[in-house]
Amino acid sequence: MSPVVALADASSVSVAECMAYGQSNRKLTGDSHYYYCYRATCNGTYQLANMILSSRYSCSNGNPQPYTKWAMDGCSIYSGSCSTNDARYCERDLEVNCDLKSDGSPYVASTTTTAGSATTTTNRVTAGTTTNQATTKKTTGSGTTRVIIARTTTQAATESTRAVVSTDTTTTTASKSSNTGIESLTINGTNIGYSNDKSEYTIKLPYGLSYVDVQLTLSDDKATYNINGASNISDDESNQIVIDVTAEDGSTKEVIINVHRYSGESNDCTLANIYMEDYDLNFDANTYEYKLRVKNNTKTLDLEVVPTDALHAKYEVADNNALQNNSVVTINVKAEDGTLCVYKITVKKTGNLWLIILIIIIIVAALAGGGYAAFRYIKRSKNRYKYE
């Protein structure tokens, strides 16, 4: 079981407490706990960045996807929309059970062994028989001749020896991966557009920022990495962050990130208010689109725009003339560092119902007057002609 760091309030802590709580590369066994430190920043919505540069865990038994659940999540309150630019720090406690797979079933490490066949041939002895025969003639006193046949049988042992014993055992081991690929690389929550065929990059940091949050996703989960130079960064121009990736078979790759400094600039492009004397937008700094009903004869909106960072932010109003129904007035706000916020107001004009009714009345009256005049004319001229 990993050691637990005591905390006063897990959802809002100092950066020192947060960094002391978080852990870097660790091998876990059994049912363990792994601790994270996060920095929550606000830019309309909360963004979380892991503060521990080499934050990573793995199971010592080789379980690639162990069962996990959050035992404590002090960062859950930092989600959704927000309105303050202050940085907050929070912690998470992840319970990791290396003895279980991600679906909760037991994890069993597998091995592959192939046994060869054994062939044995025993000795065999074959006995052969050879018969020798001799003939002898003997004459008796009576003049009778007798023939005596003597047979001698000899058994010869013929030995044929064929003994071959073959026994072998083969163990098959999968070859180790040489994959040192990186799928993604982010610095302070920003994807730098990493490509595996490029090994050197440059980033800009404001003076006074002494650390950055570097996050990697490797192509092979058996590969490991180490990051040097991402903390205690000096204000000079000679700093480098070096990332070393080591594949399962020991192959290595080095990625260098050069750090250049610049004076800090504000990124606040929000508006404090959009004021109009005749209308009320019900304005909110984090709401970027509005619908406004105006009088039918309105040709332009009399706007007073107030940036939140009035000293540095600049704004421009576009398409605010010859307004028609559904015209869109756009306010582009650019922060000191170039960050852009866009506010849009869709104009809805009142209907022309009374004008339409008036026109209809005039047309009806004109038609009625014309019809009456025609009737009078026909009546007066009725008796002027004789018909046969």
Protein backbone atom coordinates (compact mmCIF):
# COMPACT_ATOMS: atom_id res chain seq x y z
CA MET A 1 0.00 0.00 0.00
CA SER A 2 1.39 3.44 -0.94
CA PRO A 3 1.90 6.00 1.85
CA VAL A 4 -0.87 8.52 2.41
CA VAL A 5 -0.13 12.24 2.69
CA ALA A 6 -2.35 13.97 5.25
CA LEU A 7 -4.25 17.02 3.94
CA ALA A 8 -6.51 19.66 5.47
CA ASP A 9 -8.86 20.18 2.50
CA ALA A 10 -8.32 18.06 -0.62
CA SER A 11 -10.37 20.35 -2.88
CA SER A 12 -8.45 23.57 -2.23
CA VAL A 13 -4.79 23.36 -1.20
CA SER A 14 -1.57 25.29 -1.67
CA VAL A 15 0.75 24.40 -4.52
CA ALA A 16 3.33 23.06 -2.03
CA GLU A 17 0.81 20.72 -0.41
CA CYS A 18 -0.46 19.63 -3.80
CA MET A 19 3.03 18.83 -5.13
CA ALA A 20 3.88 16.93 -1.94
CA TYR A 21 0.74 14.84 -2.39
CA GLY A 22 1.25 13.92 -6.06
CA GLN A 23 3.37 10.96 -7.14
CA SER A 24 5.61 10.21 -10.12
CA ASN A 25 6.54 6.89 -11.80
CA ARG A 26 5.54 3.98 -9.53
CA LYS A 27 5.26 0.20 -9.72
CA LEU A 28 2.11 -0.94 -7.90
CA THR A 29 1.26 -4.33 -6.42
CA GLY A 30 -2.08 -5.73 -5.27
CA ASP A 31 -4.68 -3.18 -4.16
CA SER A 32 -2.84 0.17 -4.02
CA HIS A 33 -3.48 3.92 -4.12
CA TYR A 34 -1.93 6.41 -6.55
CA TYR A 35 -2.06 10.16 -5.88
CA TYR A 36 -2.34 13.08 -8.34
CA CYS A 37 -1.83 16.84 -8.00
CA TYR A 38 -3.74 19.15 -10.41
CA ARG A 39 -3.79 22.86 -11.19
CA ALA A 40 -7.23 24.23 -12.16
CA THR A 41 -7.27 27.37 -14.32
CA CYS A 42 -10.21 29.32 -15.66
CA ASN A 43 -10.74 30.64 -19.18
CA GLY A 44 -14.52 30.64 -19.35
CA THR A 45 -14.43 26.95 -18.40
CA TYR A 46 -12.13 25.14 -15.96
CA GLN A 47 -9.06 23.38 -17.35
CA LEU A 48 -7.14 20.81 -15.27
CA ALA A 49 -3.40 20.20 -15.69
CA ASN A 50 -1.46 17.45 -13.91
CA MET A 51 1.34 19.09 -11.90
CA ILE A 52 3.59 16.02 -11.56
CA LEU A 53 5.70 15.91 -14.70
CA SER A 54 6.40 12.15 -14.78
CA SER A 55 3.09 11.04 -13.31
CA ARG A 56 2.63 7.40 -14.29
CA TYR A 57 1.94 4.04 -12.67
CA SER A 58 2.18 0.43 -13.80
CA CYS A 59 1.48 -2.96 -12.24
CA SER A 60 4.46 -5.11 -11.26
CA ASN A 61 2.56 -8.26 -12.33
CA GLY A 62 2.23 -6.93 -15.90
CA ASN A 63 -1.51 -6.19 -15.76
CA PRO A 64 -1.91 -3.59 -18.57
CA GLN A 65 -5.44 -2.48 -17.60
CA PRO A 66 -6.06 -2.90 -13.87
CA TYR A 67 -9.31 -2.13 -12.10
CA THR A 68 -9.42 1.54 -10.98
CA LYS A 69 -11.80 3.87 -9.19
CA TRP A 70 -11.51 7.32 -7.59
CA ALA A 71 -11.24 6.92 -3.82
CA MET A 72 -11.16 10.73 -3.48
CA ASP A 73 -11.63 13.40 -6.19
CA GLY A 74 -10.97 16.88 -4.83
CA CYS A 75 -10.97 18.29 -8.38
CA SER A 76 -14.58 17.42 -9.20
CA ILE A 77 -15.77 20.90 -8.17
CA TYR A 78 -13.57 22.49 -10.85
CA SER A 79 -15.64 21.68 -13.94
CA GLY A 80 -17.94 23.56 -16.27
CA SER A 81 -18.06 27.34 -16.66
CA CYS A 82 -16.12 29.73 -14.42
CA SER A 83 -15.51 33.46 -14.08
CA THR A 84 -12.28 33.87 -12.11
CA ASN A 85 -8.75 33.69 -13.49
CA ASP A 86 -7.19 32.55 -10.21
CA ALA A 87 -5.33 29.22 -10.24
CA ARG A 88 -6.57 26.59 -7.79
CA TYR A 89 -4.89 23.37 -6.70
CA CYS A 90 -6.61 20.08 -5.93
CA GLU A 91 -5.83 16.39 -5.43
CA ARG A 92 -7.12 13.02 -6.54
CA ASP A 93 -6.69 9.58 -4.95
CA LEU A 94 -6.97 6.71 -7.46
CA GLU A 95 -7.45 3.19 -6.11
CA VAL A 96 -5.63 0.70 -8.38
CA ASN A 97 -6.12 -3.06 -7.98
CA CYS A 98 -3.46 -4.87 -10.04
CA ASP A 99 -4.96 -8.26 -9.14
CA LEU A 100 -8.13 -7.43 -11.08
CA LYS A 101 -8.78 -6.54 -14.72
CA SER A 102 -10.64 -3.33 -15.63
CA ASP A 103 -13.98 -5.20 -15.62
CA GLY A 104 -13.39 -6.48 -12.06
CA SER A 105 -12.50 -10.07 -13.01
CA PRO A 106 -9.28 -11.68 -11.65
CA TYR A 107 -6.10 -11.05 -13.60
CA VAL A 108 -3.84 -14.07 -14.29
CA ALA A 109 -0.45 -13.59 -15.94
CA SER A 110 -0.01 -15.94 -18.92
CA THR A 111 3.12 -17.90 -20.09
CA THR A 112 3.69 -19.88 -23.31
CA THR A 113 5.61 -23.21 -23.23
CA THR A 114 5.86 -25.79 -26.06
CA ALA A 115 7.13 -29.33 -25.20
CA GLY A 116 8.92 -31.33 -27.94
CA SER A 117 8.16 -35.01 -28.66
CA ALA A 118 10.29 -37.88 -27.29
CA THR A 119 11.10 -40.90 -29.57
CA THR A 120 12.66 -44.09 -28.22
CA THR A 121 13.71 -47.23 -30.25
CA THR A 122 14.62 -50.33 -28.18
CA ASN A 123 17.32 -52.94 -29.00
CA ARG A 124 16.17 -56.07 -30.81
CA VAL A 125 18.07 -59.45 -31.00
CA THR A 126 17.16 -61.94 -33.80
CA ALA A 127 18.29 -65.61 -33.44
CA GLY A 128 19.15 -67.53 -36.64
CA THR A 129 19.59 -71.37 -37.02
CA THR A 130 22.26 -73.13 -39.17
CA THR A 131 22.24 -76.94 -39.76
CA ASN A 132 25.42 -78.85 -40.88
CA GLN A 133 25.03 -82.40 -42.14
CA ALA A 134 27.67 -85.25 -42.49
CA THR A 135 27.21 -88.71 -44.16
CA THR A 136 29.21 -91.84 -43.11
CA LYS A 137 29.12 -95.30 -44.71
CA LYS A 138 29.81 -98.35 -42.53
CA THR A 139 30.03 -102.03 -43.67
CA THR A 140 29.06 -104.69 -41.22
CA GLY A 141 30.38 -108.21 -41.05
CA SER A 142 27.38 -109.60 -42.74
CA GLY A 143 28.07 -107.54 -45.76
CA THR A 144 25.33 -105.08 -45.05
CA THR A 145 26.16 -101.45 -45.55
CA ARG A 146 24.51 -98.90 -43.27
CA VAL A 147 24.42 -95.15 -43.90
CA ILE A 148 24.66 -92.91 -40.83
CA ILE A 149 23.71 -89.29 -41.17
CA ALA A 150 24.93 -86.97 -38.43
CA ARG A 151 23.35 -83.53 -38.14
CA THR A 152 24.86 -80.68 -36.14
CA THR A 153 22.68 -77.62 -35.50
CA THR A 154 24.24 -74.32 -34.50
CA GLN A 155 22.25 -71.29 -33.44
CA ALA A 156 23.86 -67.97 -34.22
CA ALA A 157 22.66 -64.82 -32.58
CA THR A 158 22.42 -61.88 -34.90
CA GLU A 159 22.16 -58.59 -33.05
CA SER A 160 20.71 -55.54 -34.63
CA THR A 161 21.04 -52.51 -32.42
CA ARG A 162 19.10 -49.36 -33.18
CA ALA A 163 18.66 -47.16 -30.14
CA VAL A 164 17.81 -43.48 -30.58
CA VAL A 165 16.43 -41.42 -27.69
CA SER A 166 15.40 -37.79 -28.37
CA THR A 167 13.80 -35.56 -25.75
CA ASP A 168 13.59 -31.73 -25.97
CA THR A 169 11.57 -28.90 -24.42
CA THR A 170 11.07 -25.56 -26.21
CA THR A 171 9.90 -22.37 -24.47
CA THR A 172 8.60 -19.61 -26.78
CA THR A 173 9.19 -16.00 -25.60
CA ALA A 174 7.58 -13.07 -27.46
CA SER A 175 10.08 -10.59 -28.85
CA LYS A 176 10.26 -7.26 -27.01
CA SER A 177 8.94 -4.11 -28.63
CA SER A 178 11.26 -1.37 -29.90
CA ASN A 179 8.43 1.18 -30.13
CA THR A 180 9.50 4.61 -28.77
CA GLY A 181 6.63 6.49 -30.41
CA ILE A 182 4.77 9.38 -28.76
CA GLU A 183 1.08 9.80 -29.59
CA SER A 184 0.62 13.26 -28.03
CA LEU A 185 2.64 15.84 -26.13
CA THR A 186 1.08 18.75 -24.21
CA ILE A 187 2.73 21.56 -22.27
CA ASN A 188 0.61 23.41 -19.71
CA GLY A 189 -2.48 21.85 -21.28
CA THR A 190 -1.61 22.97 -24.85
CA ASN A 191 -0.99 20.38 -27.57
CA ILE A 192 2.27 21.38 -29.32
CA GLY A 193 1.49 19.32 -32.45
CA TYR A 194 4.09 16.63 -31.82
CA SER A 195 5.33 14.54 -34.75
CA ASN A 196 7.51 11.43 -34.35
CA ASP A 197 9.78 12.53 -37.20
CA LYS A 198 10.70 15.76 -35.39
CA SER A 199 12.87 15.70 -32.27
CA GLU A 200 13.28 19.40 -31.36
CA TYR A 201 10.68 22.06 -30.49
CA THR A 202 10.60 25.60 -29.08
CA ILE A 203 8.15 27.09 -26.57
CA LYS A 204 7.80 30.58 -25.05
CA LEU A 205 7.28 31.13 -21.34
CA PRO A 206 6.68 34.39 -19.49
CA TYR A 207 9.46 35.56 -17.17
CA GLY A 208 9.03 34.28 -13.63
CA LEU A 209 7.33 30.98 -14.52
CA SER A 210 9.76 28.38 -13.13
CA TYR A 211 8.00 25.12 -14.08
CA VAL A 212 5.79 23.69 -16.80
CA ASP A 213 3.41 20.72 -16.88
CA VAL A 214 4.55 18.25 -19.56
CA GLN A 215 2.14 15.41 -20.39
CA LEU A 216 2.93 12.49 -22.73
CA THR A 217 0.91 9.65 -24.19
CA LEU A 218 3.16 6.86 -25.49
CA SER A 219 2.29 4.59 -28.42
CA ASP A 220 3.35 1.47 -26.46
CA ASP A 221 2.23 1.02 -22.86
CA LYS A 222 5.37 -1.06 -22.15
CA ALA A 223 7.61 1.90 -22.98
CA THR A 224 8.66 4.40 -20.27
CA TYR A 225 9.82 8.00 -20.27
CA ASN A 226 11.75 10.47 -18.15
CA ILE A 227 11.53 14.28 -18.19
CA ASN A 228 14.38 16.56 -17.14
CA GLY A 229 14.46 20.35 -16.94
CA ALA A 230 10.73 21.06 -16.56
CA SER A 231 11.09 22.53 -13.06
CA ASN A 232 13.35 25.20 -11.55
CA ILE A 233 13.59 26.87 -14.96
CA SER A 234 15.77 29.99 -14.89
CA ASP A 235 14.88 33.27 -16.67
CA ASP A 236 17.75 33.08 -19.16
CA GLU A 237 17.50 31.86 -22.76
CA SER A 238 19.58 28.67 -22.44
CA ASN A 239 16.99 26.35 -20.90
CA GLN A 240 16.04 23.01 -22.37
CA ILE A 241 13.50 20.36 -21.39
CA VAL A 242 14.72 16.88 -22.37
CA ILE A 243 12.34 13.91 -22.74
CA ASP A 244 13.92 10.44 -22.87
CA VAL A 245 11.68 7.58 -24.08
CA THR A 246 12.83 3.97 -23.52
CA ALA A 247 11.18 1.10 -25.40
CA GLU A 248 10.59 -2.36 -23.92
CA ASP A 249 13.73 -3.73 -25.62
CA GLY A 250 15.90 -0.84 -24.41
CA SER A 251 15.74 1.31 -27.57
CA THR A 252 15.76 5.03 -26.74
CA LYS A 253 14.65 8.33 -28.25
CA GLU A 254 15.36 11.90 -27.10
CA VAL A 255 13.06 14.89 -27.60
CA ILE A 256 14.40 18.40 -26.85
CA ILE A 257 12.17 21.40 -26.05
CA ASN A 258 13.96 24.77 -26.11
CA VAL A 259 12.53 27.35 -23.70
CA HIS A 260 12.50 31.05 -24.68
CA ARG A 261 11.30 33.81 -22.35
CA TYR A 262 9.01 36.80 -22.94
CA SER A 263 7.32 39.46 -20.83
CA GLY A 264 4.02 38.27 -19.45
CA GLU A 265 0.95 39.56 -21.28
CA SER A 266 -2.71 39.43 -20.28
CA ASN A 267 -4.94 36.88 -22.01
CA ASP A 268 -8.22 38.40 -20.77
CA CYS A 269 -10.43 39.08 -23.80
CA THR A 270 -13.78 39.14 -21.96
CA LEU A 271 -16.12 42.13 -21.72
CA ALA A 272 -17.32 43.63 -18.46
CA ASN A 273 -20.48 45.00 -20.12
CA ILE A 274 -22.26 45.88 -23.37
CA TYR A 275 -24.44 48.88 -22.58
CA MET A 276 -27.28 50.30 -24.72
CA GLU A 277 -29.46 53.19 -23.60
CA ASP A 278 -32.67 51.90 -25.22
CA TYR A 279 -32.26 48.13 -24.72
CA ASP A 280 -31.13 45.63 -22.09
CA LEU A 281 -29.11 42.56 -23.20
CA ASN A 282 -29.08 40.95 -19.74
CA PHE A 283 -25.31 40.77 -20.30
CA ASP A 284 -22.99 38.11 -18.83
CA ALA A 285 -19.24 38.08 -19.53
CA ASN A 286 -19.22 34.35 -20.27
CA THR A 287 -22.23 34.45 -22.63
CA TYR A 288 -21.13 35.17 -26.17
CA GLU A 289 -24.36 35.11 -28.21
CA TYR A 290 -27.51 37.25 -27.69
CA LYS A 291 -30.84 37.93 -29.40
CA LEU A 292 -32.16 41.50 -29.23
CA ARG A 293 -35.60 42.71 -30.36
CA VAL A 294 -35.46 46.28 -31.70
CA LYS A 295 -37.82 48.76 -33.29
CA ASN A 296 -38.54 48.29 -36.97
CA ASN A 297 -36.87 51.54 -38.00
CA THR A 298 -33.60 50.80 -36.14
CA LYS A 299 -30.66 51.04 -38.54
CA THR A 300 -27.76 50.78 -36.05
CA LEU A 301 -27.18 49.87 -32.39
CA ASP A 302 -25.85 52.58 -30.06
CA LEU A 303 -23.33 50.40 -28.18
CA GLU A 304 -21.00 51.17 -25.28
CA VAL A 305 -18.48 48.33 -25.00
CA VAL A 306 -16.44 47.91 -21.79
CA PRO A 307 -13.53 45.36 -21.82
CA THR A 308 -12.70 43.65 -18.53
CA ASP A 309 -9.02 44.47 -19.09
CA ALA A 310 -9.71 48.02 -20.25
CA LEU A 311 -6.01 48.94 -20.12
CA HIS A 312 -4.79 46.33 -22.61
CA ALA A 313 -7.67 44.68 -24.48
CA LYS A 314 -8.88 46.13 -27.79
CA TYR A 315 -12.25 45.66 -29.49
CA GLU A 316 -13.91 46.20 -32.86
CA VAL A 317 -17.63 46.33 -33.74
CA ALA A 318 -18.59 44.91 -37.15
CA ASP A 319 -21.80 44.86 -39.27
CA ASN A 320 -23.57 47.51 -37.17
CA ASN A 321 -25.24 49.44 -39.99
CA ALA A 322 -28.29 49.16 -42.26
CA LEU A 323 -29.67 46.55 -39.90
CA GLN A 324 -32.30 44.15 -41.21
CA ASN A 325 -34.28 41.47 -39.43
CA ASN A 326 -31.82 38.70 -38.34
CA SER A 327 -28.76 40.91 -38.93
CA VAL A 328 -25.81 39.91 -36.69
CA VAL A 329 -23.69 42.59 -34.98
CA THR A 330 -20.24 41.21 -34.04
CA ILE A 331 -17.88 42.51 -31.33
CA ASN A 332 -14.32 41.14 -31.62
CA VAL A 333 -12.25 41.58 -28.44
CA LYS A 334 -8.48 40.93 -28.61
CA ALA A 335 -6.44 40.49 -25.40
CA GLU A 336 -2.92 41.81 -24.96
CA ASP A 337 -1.41 38.42 -25.88
CA GLY A 338 -3.64 38.05 -28.95
CA THR A 339 -6.33 35.85 -27.43
CA LEU A 340 -9.65 36.57 -29.19
CA CYS A 341 -13.21 36.57 -27.81
CA VAL A 342 -16.20 37.08 -30.15
CA TYR A 343 -19.59 38.38 -28.96
CA LYS A 344 -22.58 38.27 -31.33
CA ILE A 345 -25.95 40.10 -31.18
CA THR A 346 -28.69 38.85 -33.53
CA VAL A 347 -31.20 41.61 -34.28
CA LYS A 348 -34.91 40.80 -34.33
CA LYS A 349 -37.15 43.59 -35.68
CA THR A 350 -40.82 44.15 -34.71
CA GLY A 351 -43.41 43.12 -37.32
CA ASN A 352 -45.10 45.48 -39.88
CA LEU A 353 -48.65 44.32 -39.10
CA TRP A 354 -50.21 47.80 -38.73
CA LEU A 355 -48.60 49.00 -41.94
CA ILE A 356 -49.93 45.95 -43.78
CA ILE A 357 -53.44 46.52 -42.35
CA LEU A 358 -53.34 50.20 -43.39
CA ILE A 359 -52.32 49.29 -46.94
CA ILE A 360 -55.13 46.73 -47.16
CA ILE A 361 -57.69 49.33 -45.95
CA ILE A 362 -56.49 51.82 -48.57
CA ILE A 363 -56.71 49.21 -51.35
CA VAL A 364 -60.19 48.09 -50.27
CA ALA A 365 -61.40 51.71 -50.11
CA ALA A 366 -59.98 52.44 -53.53
CA LEU A 367 -61.66 49.40 -55.02
CA ALA A 368 -64.97 50.25 -53.35
CA GLY A 369 -64.84 53.86 -54.62
CA GLY A 370 -63.99 52.75 -58.12
CA GLY A 371 -66.81 50.22 -58.16
CA TYR A 372 -69.36 52.79 -57.01
CA ALA A 373 -68.26 55.27 -59.69
CA ALA A 374 -68.61 52.62 -62.38
CA PHE A 375 -72.09 51.74 -61.16
CA ARG A 376 -73.23 55.38 -61.35
CA TYR A 377 -71.83 55.75 -64.84
CA ILE A 378 -73.62 52.70 -66.15
CA LYS A 379 -76.91 53.84 -64.58
CA ARG A 380 -76.74 57.31 -66.15
CA SER A 381 -76.08 55.94 -69.62
CA LYS A 382 -78.73 53.23 -69.45
CA ASN A 383 -81.41 55.08 -71.51
CA ARG A 384 -79.07 56.76 -74.00
CA TYR A 385 -79.18 53.85 -76.51
CA LYS A 386 -81.97 52.05 -78.31
CA TYR A 387 -81.69 48.37 -78.87
CA GLU A 388 -83.33 46.54 -81.76
